[in-house]
C-alpha atoms as a PDB file:
ATOM      1  CA  UNK A   1      87.846 214.112  37.923  1.00  0.00           C
ATOM      2  CA  UNK A   2      88.778 217.399  39.608  1.00  0.00           C
ATOM      3  CA  UNK A   3      87.447 217.724  43.192  1.00  0.00           C
ATOM      4  CA  UNK A   4      84.907 220.426  43.984  1.00  0.00           C
ATOM      5  CA  UNK A   5      87.462 222.245  46.162  1.00  0.00           C
ATOM      6  CA  UNK A   6      89.817 222.844  43.215  1.00  0.00           C
ATOM      7  CA  UNK A   7      86.901 223.657  40.925  1.00  0.00           C
ATOM      8  CA  UNK A   8      85.842 226.276  43.468  1.00  0.00           C
ATOM      9  CA  UNK A   9      89.288 227.891  43.489  1.00  0.00           C
ATOM     10  CA  UNK A  10      89.243 228.077  39.688  1.00  0.00           C
ATOM     11  CA  UNK A  11      85.835 229.767  39.766  1.00  0.00           C
ATOM     12  CA  UNK A  12      87.132 232.271  42.335  1.00  0.00           C
ATOM     13  CA  UNK A  13      90.136 233.108  40.176  1.00  0.00           C
ATOM     14  CA  UNK A  14      87.955 233.502  37.079  1.00  0.00           C
ATOM     15  CA  UNK A  15      85.551 235.782  38.950  1.00  0.00           C
ATOM     16  CA  UNK A  16      88.425 237.939  40.158  1.00  0.00           C
ATOM     17  CA  UNK A  17      89.746 238.302  36.618  1.00  0.00           C
ATOM     18  CA  UNK A  18      86.693 238.339  34.412  1.00  0.00           C
ATOM     19  CA  UNK A  19      83.488 239.110  36.353  1.00  0.00           C
ATOM     20  CA  UNK A  20      81.691 242.076  34.783  1.00  0.00           C
ATOM     21  CA  UNK A  21      79.978 244.211  37.453  1.00  0.00           C
ATOM     22  CA  UNK A  22      76.682 245.948  36.783  1.00  0.00           C
ATOM     23  CA  UNK A  23      78.535 249.267  37.056  1.00  0.00           C
ATOM     24  CA  UNK A  24      81.697 249.041  34.882  1.00  0.00           C
ATOM     25  CA  UNK A  25      83.516 251.387  37.279  1.00  0.00           C
ATOM     26  CA  UNK A  26      83.010 249.088  40.280  1.00  0.00           C
ATOM     27  CA  UNK A  27      85.855 247.065  41.775  1.00  0.00           C
ATOM     28  CA  UNK A  28      85.414 243.306  42.260  1.00  0.00           C
ATOM     29  CA  UNK A  29      86.284 241.497  45.495  1.00  0.00           C
ATOM     30  CA  UNK A  30      85.960 237.700  45.692  1.00  0.00           C
ATOM     31  CA  UNK A  31      85.699 235.445  48.746  1.00  0.00           C
ATOM     32  CA  UNK A  32      84.684 231.857  49.410  1.00  0.00           C
ATOM     33  CA  UNK A  33      82.717 229.855  51.970  1.00  0.00           C
ATOM     34  CA  UNK A  34      80.811 232.749  53.510  1.00  0.00           C
ATOM     35  CA  UNK A  35      77.194 233.464  54.352  1.00  0.00           C
ATOM     36  CA  UNK A  36      74.814 233.593  57.279  1.00  0.00           C
ATOM     37  CA  UNK A  37      74.240 231.043  60.016  1.00  0.00           C
ATOM     38  CA  UNK A  38      71.768 228.953  58.034  1.00  0.00           C
ATOM     39  CA  UNK A  39      73.363 229.343  54.590  1.00  0.00           C
ATOM     40  CA  UNK A  40      76.928 229.327  53.328  1.00  0.00           C
ATOM     41  CA  UNK A  41      77.800 230.140  49.725  1.00  0.00           C
ATOM     42  CA  UNK A  42      80.763 228.626  47.902  1.00  0.00           C
ATOM     43  CA  UNK A  43      81.854 231.791  46.107  1.00  0.00           C
ATOM     44  CA  UNK A  44      80.902 235.360  46.905  1.00  0.00           C
ATOM     45  CA  UNK A  45      81.470 238.260  44.510  1.00  0.00           C
ATOM     46  CA  UNK A  46      81.275 241.796  45.879  1.00  0.00           C
ATOM     47  CA  UNK A  47      80.847 244.667  43.448  1.00  0.00           C
ATOM     48  CA  UNK A  48      82.374 247.609  45.303  1.00  0.00           C
ATOM     49  CA  UNK A  49      82.409 251.361  44.925  1.00  0.00           C
ATOM     50  CA  UNK A  50      86.138 252.105  44.363  1.00  0.00           C
ATOM     51  CA  UNK A  51      86.159 255.221  46.543  1.00  0.00           C
ATOM     52  CA  UNK A  52      84.219 253.414  49.252  1.00  0.00           C
ATOM     53  CA  UNK A  53      86.634 250.487  49.107  1.00  0.00           C
ATOM     54  CA  UNK A  54      89.554 252.877  49.573  1.00  0.00           C
ATOM     55  CA  UNK A  55      87.747 254.498  52.510  1.00  0.00           C
ATOM     56  CA  UNK A  56      87.131 251.075  54.068  1.00  0.00           C
ATOM     57  CA  UNK A  57      90.909 250.453  54.118  1.00  0.00           C
ATOM     58  CA  UNK A  58      91.466 252.924  56.980  1.00  0.00           C
ATOM     59  CA  UNK A  59      89.572 250.538  59.285  1.00  0.00           C
ATOM     60  CA  UNK A  60      92.261 247.879  58.852  1.00  0.00           C
ATOM     61  CA  UNK A  61      92.484 244.425  57.291  1.00  0.00           C
ATOM     62  CA  UNK A  62      90.513 242.687  60.032  1.00  0.00           C
ATOM     63  CA  UNK A  63      86.767 242.435  59.723  1.00  0.00           C
ATOM     64  CA  UNK A  64      84.385 244.503  61.801  1.00  0.00           C
ATOM     65  CA  UNK A  65      81.810 242.249  63.446  1.00  0.00           C
ATOM     66  CA  UNK A  66      78.220 243.305  64.092  1.00  0.00           C
ATOM     67  CA  UNK A  67      79.064 244.872  67.477  1.00  0.00           C
ATOM     68  CA  UNK A  68      81.929 246.923  66.043  1.00  0.00           C
ATOM     69  CA  UNK A  69      79.836 247.981  63.074  1.00  0.00           C
ATOM     70  CA  UNK A  70      77.160 249.239  65.466  1.00  0.00           C
ATOM     71  CA  UNK A  71      79.787 251.433  67.158  1.00  0.00           C
ATOM     72  CA  UNK A  72      81.749 252.791  64.174  1.00  0.00           C
ATOM     73  CA  UNK A  73      78.677 253.466  62.015  1.00  0.00           C
ATOM     74  CA  UNK A  74      76.885 255.404  64.746  1.00  0.00           C
ATOM     75  CA  UNK A  75      79.721 257.103  66.615  1.00  0.00           C
ATOM     76  CA  UNK A  76      79.149 260.888  66.705  1.00  0.00           C
ATOM     77  CA  UNK A  77      81.435 263.504  65.215  1.00  0.00           C
ATOM     78  CA  UNK A  78      82.050 265.101  68.627  1.00  0.00           C
ATOM     79  CA  UNK A  79      82.384 263.551  72.083  1.00  0.00           C
ATOM     80  CA  UNK A  80      79.128 262.294  73.564  1.00  0.00           C
ATOM     81  CA  UNK A  81      78.041 259.803  76.217  1.00  0.00           C
ATOM     82  CA  UNK A  82      77.856 256.470  74.433  1.00  0.00           C
ATOM     83  CA  UNK A  83      74.318 255.626  75.590  1.00  0.00           C
ATOM     84  CA  UNK A  84      73.061 258.944  74.243  1.00  0.00           C
ATOM     85  CA  UNK A  85      75.036 258.724  71.002  1.00  0.00           C
ATOM     86  CA  UNK A  86      74.399 255.130  69.944  1.00  0.00           C
ATOM     87  CA  UNK A  87      70.999 253.616  69.082  1.00  0.00           C
ATOM     88  CA  UNK A  88      69.610 250.989  71.433  1.00  0.00           C
ATOM     89  CA  UNK A  89      71.318 247.798  70.224  1.00  0.00           C
ATOM     90  CA  UNK A  90      68.581 245.449  71.391  1.00  0.00           C
ATOM     91  CA  UNK A  91      71.001 243.661  73.723  1.00  0.00           C
ATOM     92  CA  UNK A  92      72.899 244.508  76.889  1.00  0.00           C
ATOM     93  CA  UNK A  93      74.822 247.782  76.999  1.00  0.00           C
ATOM     94  CA  UNK A  94      77.768 246.029  78.596  1.00  0.00           C
ATOM     95  CA  UNK A  95      78.425 244.365  75.240  1.00  0.00           C
ATOM     96  CA  UNK A  96      78.368 247.790  73.631  1.00  0.00           C
ATOM     97  CA  UNK A  97      80.977 248.986  76.144  1.00  0.00           C
ATOM     98  CA  UNK A  98      83.179 246.014  75.273  1.00  0.00           C
ATOM     99  CA  UNK A  99      82.842 246.851  71.571  1.00  0.00           C
ATOM    100  CA  UNK A 100      83.722 250.502  72.270  1.00  0.00           C
ATOM    101  CA  UNK A 101      86.897 249.460  74.106  1.00  0.00           C
ATOM    102  CA  UNK A 102      87.845 247.106  71.268  1.00  0.00           C
ATOM    103  CA  UNK A 103      87.178 249.815  68.679  1.00  0.00           C
ATOM    104  CA  UNK A 104      89.339 252.245  70.643  1.00  0.00           C
ATOM    105  CA  UNK A 105      92.137 249.657  70.937  1.00  0.00           C
ATOM    106  CA  UNK A 106      92.058 249.205  67.161  1.00  0.00           C
ATOM    107  CA  UNK A 107      92.125 252.958  66.577  1.00  0.00           C
ATOM    108  CA  UNK A 108      88.628 253.097  65.059  1.00  0.00           C
ATOM    109  CA  UNK A 109      87.107 255.572  67.541  1.00  0.00           C
ATOM    110  CA  UNK A 110      88.378 257.926  70.241  1.00  0.00           C
ATOM    111  CA  UNK A 111      87.181 257.675  73.829  1.00  0.00           C
ATOM    112  CA  UNK A 112      87.529 259.615  77.054  1.00  0.00           C
ATOM    113  CA  UNK A 113      86.049 259.518  80.534  1.00  0.00           C
ATOM    114  CA  UNK A 114      83.834 262.246  81.886  1.00  0.00           C
ATOM    115  CA  UNK A 115      83.449 261.269  85.515  1.00  0.00           C
ATOM    116  CA  UNK A 116      82.054 257.732  85.398  1.00  0.00           C
ATOM    117  CA  UNK A 117      80.801 258.139  81.863  1.00  0.00           C
ATOM    118  CA  UNK A 118      82.475 256.828  78.725  1.00  0.00           C
ATOM    119  CA  UNK A 119      82.303 259.278  75.856  1.00  0.00           C
ATOM    120  CA  UNK A 120      83.278 258.546  72.284  1.00  0.00           C
ATOM    121  CA  UNK A 121      83.620 260.173  68.912  1.00  0.00           C
ATOM    122  CA  UNK A 122      84.396 258.774  65.503  1.00  0.00           C
ATOM    123  CA  UNK A 123      87.761 259.009  63.775  1.00  0.00           C
ATOM    124  CA  UNK A 124      86.541 257.941  60.333  1.00  0.00           C
ATOM    125  CA  UNK A 125      83.148 257.787  58.693  1.00  0.00           C
ATOM    126  CA  UNK A 126      82.294 254.192  57.773  1.00  0.00           C
ATOM    127  CA  UNK A 127      81.503 254.094  54.027  1.00  0.00           C
ATOM    128  CA  UNK A 128      78.806 252.278  52.065  1.00  0.00           C
ATOM    129  CA  UNK A 129      81.384 250.443  49.996  1.00  0.00           C
ATOM    130  CA  UNK A 130      79.437 247.445  48.644  1.00  0.00           C
ATOM    131  CA  UNK A 131      76.992 248.000  45.791  1.00  0.00           C
ATOM    132  CA  UNK A 132      76.039 244.421  44.934  1.00  0.00           C
ATOM    133  CA  UNK A 133      76.514 240.926  46.376  1.00  0.00           C
ATOM    134  CA  UNK A 134      76.548 237.951  43.990  1.00  0.00           C
ATOM    135  CA  UNK A 135      76.435 234.390  45.327  1.00  0.00           C
ATOM    136  CA  UNK A 136      77.712 231.380  43.356  1.00  0.00           C
ATOM    137  CA  UNK A 137      77.107 227.739  44.231  1.00  0.00           C
ATOM    138  CA  UNK A 138      79.774 225.465  42.719  1.00  0.00           C
ATOM    139  CA  UNK A 139      78.550 222.082  41.490  1.00  0.00           C
ATOM    140  CA  UNK A 140      81.020 220.686  38.950  1.00  0.00           C
ATOM    141  CA  UNK A 141      78.890 217.549  38.426  1.00  0.00           C
ATOM    142  CA  UNK A 142      75.336 218.798  38.139  1.00  0.00           C
ATOM    143  CA  UNK A 143      73.381 215.581  37.942  1.00  0.00           C
ATOM    144  CA  UNK A 144      69.607 215.422  38.191  1.00  0.00           C
ATOM    145  CA  UNK A 145      69.737 214.444  41.887  1.00  0.00           C
ATOM    146  CA  UNK A 146      72.258 217.202  42.644  1.00  0.00           C
ATOM    147  CA  UNK A 147      70.095 219.734  40.809  1.00  0.00           C
ATOM    148  CA  UNK A 148      67.061 218.629  42.819  1.00  0.00           C
ATOM    149  CA  UNK A 149      68.863 219.128  46.150  1.00  0.00           C
ATOM    150  CA  UNK A 150      70.414 222.383  44.997  1.00  0.00           C
ATOM    151  CA  UNK A 151      67.079 223.656  43.729  1.00  0.00           C
ATOM    152  CA  UNK A 152      65.669 223.707  47.261  1.00  0.00           C
ATOM    153  CA  UNK A 153      68.627 225.753  48.532  1.00  0.00           C
ATOM    154  CA  UNK A 154      68.393 228.223  45.665  1.00  0.00           C
ATOM    155  CA  UNK A 155      64.647 228.657  46.128  1.00  0.00           C
ATOM    156  CA  UNK A 156      65.375 229.693  49.703  1.00  0.00           C
ATOM    157  CA  UNK A 157      68.053 232.114  48.476  1.00  0.00           C
ATOM    158  CA  UNK A 158      65.642 233.662  45.991  1.00  0.00           C
ATOM    159  CA  UNK A 159      62.868 233.989  48.584  1.00  0.00           C
ATOM    160  CA  UNK A 160      65.198 235.605  51.126  1.00  0.00           C
ATOM    161  CA  UNK A 161      66.759 237.998  48.611  1.00  0.00           C
ATOM    162  CA  UNK A 162      69.944 238.541  50.603  1.00  0.00           C
ATOM    163  CA  UNK A 163      72.166 238.440  47.509  1.00  0.00           C
ATOM    164  CA  UNK A 164      71.510 240.549  44.401  1.00  0.00           C
ATOM    165  CA  UNK A 165      71.979 237.493  42.179  1.00  0.00           C
ATOM    166  CA  UNK A 166      72.437 233.749  42.690  1.00  0.00           C
ATOM    167  CA  UNK A 167      74.298 231.519  40.236  1.00  0.00           C
ATOM    168  CA  UNK A 168      75.283 227.898  39.800  1.00  0.00           C
ATOM    169  CA  UNK A 169      78.703 227.111  38.332  1.00  0.00           C
ATOM    170  CA  UNK A 170      78.991 223.663  36.765  1.00  0.00           C
ATOM    171  CA  UNK A 171      81.543 221.871  34.613  1.00  0.00           C
ATOM    172  CA  UNK A 172      81.059 222.369  30.877  1.00  0.00           C
ATOM    173  CA  UNK A 173      80.423 219.069  29.116  1.00  0.00           C
ATOM    174  CA  UNK A 174      80.429 220.242  25.505  1.00  0.00           C
ATOM    175  CA  UNK A 175      76.662 219.747  25.381  1.00  0.00           C
ATOM    176  CA  UNK A 176      73.878 222.123  26.304  1.00  0.00           C
ATOM    177  CA  UNK A 177      72.718 221.925  29.893  1.00  0.00           C
ATOM    178  CA  UNK A 178      69.882 219.419  29.949  1.00  0.00           C
ATOM    179  CA  UNK A 179      66.456 221.102  30.038  1.00  0.00           C
ATOM    180  CA  UNK A 180      65.515 218.727  32.860  1.00  0.00           C
ATOM    181  CA  UNK A 181      68.159 220.393  35.034  1.00  0.00           C
ATOM    182  CA  UNK A 182      66.733 223.830  34.277  1.00  0.00           C
ATOM    183  CA  UNK A 183      63.378 222.645  35.542  1.00  0.00           C
ATOM    184  CA  UNK A 184      64.855 221.696  38.905  1.00  0.00           C
ATOM    185  CA  UNK A 185      66.465 225.101  39.476  1.00  0.00           C
ATOM    186  CA  UNK A 186      64.538 228.326  40.095  1.00  0.00           C
ATOM    187  CA  UNK A 187      64.295 230.437  36.965  1.00  0.00           C
ATOM    188  CA  UNK A 188      65.912 233.368  38.829  1.00  0.00           C
ATOM    189  CA  UNK A 189      69.198 231.455  39.254  1.00  0.00           C
ATOM    190  CA  UNK A 190      71.870 231.862  36.594  1.00  0.00           C
ATOM    191  CA  UNK A 191      74.041 229.011  35.284  1.00  0.00           C
ATOM    192  CA  UNK A 192      77.756 229.250  34.435  1.00  0.00           C
ATOM    193  CA  UNK A 193      79.375 226.521  32.309  1.00  0.00           C
ATOM    194  CA  UNK A 194      83.036 226.233  33.332  1.00  0.00           C
ATOM    195  CA  UNK A 195      85.579 224.706  30.965  1.00  0.00           C
ATOM    196  CA  UNK A 196      88.720 226.244  29.501  1.00  0.00           C
ATOM    197  CA  UNK A 197      86.701 229.433  29.786  1.00  0.00           C
ATOM    198  CA  UNK A 198      83.401 230.331  31.414  1.00  0.00           C
ATOM    199  CA  UNK A 199      80.190 230.807  29.462  1.00  0.00           C
ATOM    200  CA  UNK A 200      76.771 231.938  30.644  1.00  0.00           C
ATOM    201  CA  UNK A 201      74.277 229.153  30.005  1.00  0.00           C
ATOM    202  CA  UNK A 202      71.407 231.004  31.716  1.00  0.00           C
ATOM    203  CA  UNK A 203      71.262 234.594  32.942  1.00  0.00           C
ATOM    204  CA  UNK A 204      70.411 235.331  36.559  1.00  0.00           C
ATOM    205  CA  UNK A 205      67.530 237.596  37.533  1.00  0.00           C
ATOM    206  CA  UNK A 206      68.241 240.508  39.888  1.00  0.00           C
ATOM    207  CA  UNK A 207      66.616 239.937  43.291  1.00  0.00           C
ATOM    208  CA  UNK A 208      64.818 242.547  45.408  1.00  0.00           C
ATOM    209  CA  UNK A 209      67.419 243.088  48.123  1.00  0.00           C
ATOM    210  CA  UNK A 210      65.867 246.403  49.252  1.00  0.00           C
ATOM    211  CA  UNK A 211      62.486 244.810  49.945  1.00  0.00           C
ATOM    212  CA  UNK A 212      61.362 242.456  52.745  1.00  0.00           C
ATOM    213  CA  UNK A 213      62.479 238.862  52.254  1.00  0.00           C
ATOM    214  CA  UNK A 214      60.979 235.509  53.159  1.00  0.00           C
ATOM    215  CA  UNK A 215      62.972 233.014  55.210  1.00  0.00           C
ATOM    216  CA  UNK A 216      61.635 229.510  54.590  1.00  0.00           C
ATOM    217  CA  UNK A 217      61.846 227.618  57.883  1.00  0.00           C
ATOM    218  CA  UNK A 218      60.235 224.335  56.870  1.00  0.00           C
ATOM    219  CA  UNK A 219      58.444 223.048  53.832  1.00  0.00           C
ATOM    220  CA  UNK A 220      56.421 219.892  53.063  1.00  0.00           C
ATOM    221  CA  UNK A 221      58.321 217.005  51.536  1.00  0.00           C
ATOM    222  CA  UNK A 222      55.729 216.861  48.794  1.00  0.00           C
ATOM    223  CA  UNK A 223      54.803 213.220  49.239  1.00  0.00           C
ATOM    224  CA  UNK A 224      51.391 211.916  48.273  1.00  0.00           C
ATOM    225  CA  UNK A 225      50.170 211.902  51.876  1.00  0.00           C
ATOM    226  CA  UNK A 226      52.050 214.972  53.075  1.00  0.00           C
ATOM    227  CA  UNK A 227      49.497 217.559  54.208  1.00  0.00           C
ATOM    228  CA  UNK A 228      51.805 219.587  56.449  1.00  0.00           C
ATOM    229  CA  UNK A 229      52.013 223.352  55.994  1.00  0.00           C
ATOM    230  CA  UNK A 230      55.110 225.282  55.094  1.00  0.00           C
ATOM    231  CA  UNK A 231      56.570 227.518  57.812  1.00  0.00           C
ATOM    232  CA  UNK A 232      58.211 230.818  56.998  1.00  0.00           C
ATOM    233  CA  UNK A 233      58.934 234.247  58.409  1.00  0.00           C
ATOM    234  CA  UNK A 234      59.538 237.671  56.931  1.00  0.00           C
ATOM    235  CA  UNK A 235      62.773 239.582  57.358  1.00  0.00           C
ATOM    236  CA  UNK A 236      63.041 243.342  57.077  1.00  0.00           C
ATOM    237  CA  UNK A 237      65.169 245.254  54.561  1.00  0.00           C
ATOM    238  CA  UNK A 238      67.138 246.613  57.547  1.00  0.00           C
ATOM    239  CA  UNK A 239      68.014 243.079  58.696  1.00  0.00           C
ATOM    240  CA  UNK A 240      69.129 242.206  55.180  1.00  0.00           C
ATOM    241  CA  UNK A 241      71.261 245.346  54.929  1.00  0.00           C
ATOM    242  CA  UNK A 242      72.964 244.530  58.249  1.00  0.00           C
ATOM    243  CA  UNK A 243      73.673 240.943  57.180  1.00  0.00           C
ATOM    244  CA  UNK A 244      75.043 242.034  53.817  1.00  0.00           C
ATOM    245  CA  UNK A 245      77.359 244.450  55.602  1.00  0.00           C
ATOM    246  CA  UNK A 246      78.587 241.717  57.978  1.00  0.00           C
ATOM    247  CA  UNK A 247      79.146 239.291  55.096  1.00  0.00           C
ATOM    248  CA  UNK A 248      81.064 241.952  53.192  1.00  0.00           C
ATOM    249  CA  UNK A 249      83.297 242.550  56.210  1.00  0.00           C
ATOM    250  CA  UNK A 250      84.163 238.854  56.440  1.00  0.00           C
ATOM    251  CA  UNK A 251      84.819 238.769  52.708  1.00  0.00           C
ATOM    252  CA  UNK A 252      87.118 241.791  53.010  1.00  0.00           C
ATOM    253  CA  UNK A 253      89.160 240.051  55.682  1.00  0.00           C
ATOM    254  CA  UNK A 254      89.360 236.573  54.167  1.00  0.00           C
ATOM    255  CA  UNK A 255      89.202 236.841  50.393  1.00  0.00           C
ATOM    256  CA  UNK A 256      89.499 233.467  48.668  1.00  0.00           C
ATOM    257  CA  UNK A 257      93.223 232.779  49.034  1.00  0.00           C
ATOM    258  CA  UNK A 258      92.767 232.053  52.747  1.00  0.00           C
ATOM    259  CA  UNK A 259      92.457 228.342  51.890  1.00  0.00           C
ATOM    260  CA  UNK A 260      96.086 228.080  53.054  1.00  0.00           C
ATOM    261  CA  UNK A 261      94.812 228.516  56.619  1.00  0.00           C
ATOM    262  CA  UNK A 262      93.257 225.034  56.431  1.00  0.00           C
ATOM    263  CA  UNK A 263      96.253 223.342  54.735  1.00  0.00           C
ATOM    264  CA  UNK A 264      99.924 222.641  55.469  1.00  0.00           C
ATOM    265  CA  UNK A 265     102.051 224.856  53.221  1.00  0.00           C
ATOM    266  CA  UNK A 266     104.950 224.139  55.610  1.00  0.00           C
ATOM    267  CA  UNK A 267     105.180 220.584  54.205  1.00  0.00           C
ATOM    268  CA  UNK A 268     108.171 220.063  51.931  1.00  0.00           C
ATOM    269  CA  UNK A 269     105.865 218.453  49.340  1.00  0.00           C
ATOM    270  CA  UNK A 270     103.506 221.452  49.131  1.00  0.00           C
ATOM    271  CA  UNK A 271     103.740 223.655  46.061  1.00  0.00           C
ATOM    272  CA  UNK A 272     101.786 226.249  44.141  1.00  0.00           C
ATOM    273  CA  UNK A 273     103.081 225.902  40.625  1.00  0.00           C
ATOM    274  CA  UNK A 274     101.259 228.894  39.166  1.00  0.00           C
ATOM    275  CA  UNK A 275     100.974 231.783  41.654  1.00  0.00           C
ATOM    276  CA  UNK A 276      98.554 233.499  39.262  1.00  0.00           C
ATOM    277  CA  UNK A 277      96.102 230.585  39.692  1.00  0.00           C
ATOM    278  CA  UNK A 278      97.185 229.258  43.107  1.00  0.00           C
ATOM    279  CA  UNK A 279      96.039 225.643  43.191  1.00  0.00           C
ATOM    280  CA  UNK A 280      97.728 223.553  45.916  1.00  0.00           C
ATOM    281  CA  UNK A 281      99.933 220.797  44.501  1.00  0.00           C
ATOM    282  CA  UNK A 282     101.560 217.874  46.323  1.00  0.00           C
ATOM    283  CA  UNK A 283     104.805 216.552  44.845  1.00  0.00           C
ATOM    284  CA  UNK A 284     104.530 213.394  46.960  1.00  0.00           C
ATOM    285  CA  UNK A 285     101.130 212.540  45.468  1.00  0.00           C
ATOM    286  CA  UNK A 286     101.967 214.016  42.073  1.00  0.00           C
ATOM    287  CA  UNK A 287      98.696 215.940  41.774  1.00  0.00           C
ATOM    288  CA  UNK A 288      96.645 218.824  43.075  1.00  0.00           C
ATOM    289  CA  UNK A 289      95.189 218.193  46.528  1.00  0.00           C
ATOM    290  CA  UNK A 290      92.244 219.364  48.608  1.00  0.00           C
ATOM    291  CA  UNK A 291      92.167 220.846  52.104  1.00  0.00           C
ATOM    292  CA  UNK A 292      90.826 217.512  53.399  1.00  0.00           C
ATOM    293  CA  UNK A 293      93.951 215.729  52.124  1.00  0.00           C
ATOM    294  CA  UNK A 294      96.609 218.311  53.000  1.00  0.00           C
ATOM    295  CA  UNK A 295      96.851 218.135  56.777  1.00  0.00           C
ATOM    296  CA  UNK A 296      99.282 217.062  59.465  1.00  0.00           C
ATOM    297  CA  UNK A 297      97.799 213.563  59.606  1.00  0.00           C
ATOM    298  CA  UNK A 298      98.689 212.891  55.957  1.00  0.00           C
ATOM    299  CA  UNK A 299     101.194 209.965  55.814  1.00  0.00           C
ATOM    300  CA  UNK A 300     103.253 211.965  53.301  1.00  0.00           C
ATOM    301  CA  UNK A 301     103.504 215.038  55.526  1.00  0.00           C
ATOM    302  CA  UNK A 302     107.113 216.092  56.115  1.00  0.00           C
ATOM    303  CA  UNK A 303     107.864 219.450  57.775  1.00  0.00           C
ATOM    304  CA  UNK A 304     110.265 221.809  56.068  1.00  0.00           C
ATOM    305  CA  UNK A 305     113.796 221.128  57.320  1.00  0.00           C
ATOM    306  CA  UNK A 306     115.337 223.845  59.522  1.00  0.00           C
ATOM    307  CA  UNK A 307     118.014 224.495  56.887  1.00  0.00           C
ATOM    308  CA  UNK A 308     115.347 225.802  54.514  1.00  0.00           C
ATOM    309  CA  UNK A 309     114.549 228.489  57.050  1.00  0.00           C
ATOM    310  CA  UNK A 310     118.112 229.714  57.434  1.00  0.00           C
ATOM    311  CA  UNK A 311     119.798 229.241  54.066  1.00  0.00           C
ATOM    312  CA  UNK A 312     118.537 231.108  51.074  1.00  0.00           C
ATOM    313  CA  UNK A 313     115.177 231.985  52.659  1.00  0.00           C
ATOM    314  CA  UNK A 314     114.087 234.876  54.829  1.00  0.00           C
ATOM    315  CA  UNK A 315     114.842 234.274  58.469  1.00  0.00           C
ATOM    316  CA  UNK A 316     111.143 234.442  59.293  1.00  0.00           C
ATOM    317  CA  UNK A 317     110.234 231.287  57.404  1.00  0.00           C
ATOM    318  CA  UNK A 318     110.843 228.821  54.590  1.00  0.00           C
ATOM    319  CA  UNK A 319     108.970 228.316  51.299  1.00  0.00           C
ATOM    320  CA  UNK A 320     105.627 227.800  53.060  1.00  0.00           C
ATOM    321  CA  UNK A 321     105.863 231.174  54.796  1.00  0.00           C
ATOM    322  CA  UNK A 322     107.046 232.814  51.583  1.00  0.00           C
ATOM    323  CA  UNK A 323     104.069 231.399  49.682  1.00  0.00           C
ATOM    324  CA  UNK A 324     101.704 232.673  52.346  1.00  0.00           C
ATOM    325  CA  UNK A 325     103.206 236.171  51.998  1.00  0.00           C
ATOM    326  CA  UNK A 326     102.815 236.062  48.199  1.00  0.00           C
ATOM    327  CA  UNK A 327      99.122 235.175  48.446  1.00  0.00           C
ATOM    328  CA  UNK A 328      98.569 237.764  51.179  1.00  0.00           C
ATOM    329  CA  UNK A 329     100.103 240.451  48.957  1.00  0.00           C
ATOM    330  CA  UNK A 330      97.796 239.388  46.134  1.00  0.00           C
ATOM    331  CA  UNK A 331      94.806 239.620  48.479  1.00  0.00           C
ATOM    332  CA  UNK A 332      95.921 243.064  49.677  1.00  0.00           C
ATOM    333  CA  UNK A 333      96.183 244.306  46.071  1.00  0.00           C
ATOM    334  CA  UNK A 334      92.583 243.243  45.426  1.00  0.00           C
ATOM    335  CA  UNK A 335      91.477 245.325  48.422  1.00  0.00           C
END
């Protein structure tokens, strides 16, 4: 049975190739294991305005965190004192100054001193480059108990409305998805059946991302004697827009091929046999492996010999480094 990690990589590759955005002209950017502090999604699909995505490229490959976004999005077109030019951040101005210095170091804004005052102006206008955010939860073995646990998470996703759509990807069994599983998932969540291809077993409902959302903090267990009240709070559309922007920035930086960062491609047994669908393979184990298995503590781990790095390979690394460059080039092309 294929581990969830490899199933997740297959879903990411399918989404990159075959996801149909709401606007046919939109570009598709895929990332994995991203979200907010209290929720992390397995696969994230960004539907991007092509011109906006091109404009985002001038800000570099690294993500812009919330502090940098506050600076680059609000920097004026002509030099102005930063405390007059930028909105009150709701936290100490010294952190804003640090973000301004970092933005200047990265070439995102221009600064100068006017006496003791720091003035700034923008170099580039930050674009609205993301049109829609689609979240996918990968559950290859969607049993009744798994559907019950997942249903609670998806209900929270639907109530919050941070993503435009939420989906569940599960392994196709050749049979229809059991109606009992539908009952355990919110009707707004879509279902993808993944086999040799991917079929839509249930269509997702578009969520109200531009309206206030509800963050469920605690809910009763539902037992016979449970009389406790649910706890929740509302979040504003502005908060949701900020979080979507921050998630998109992390997705832009990481993509989904960054799984190599948690593995050991410098092991002589590590291979990717099909660069078009880059699933990590271990020749020592004779099978595909997960990030939990491919680490320095693995008893089969053997570093690449020095000769591999000097004979027949670029001087800046052996096959592991070369593989990393191939996947990085693929990620750059998607941007």
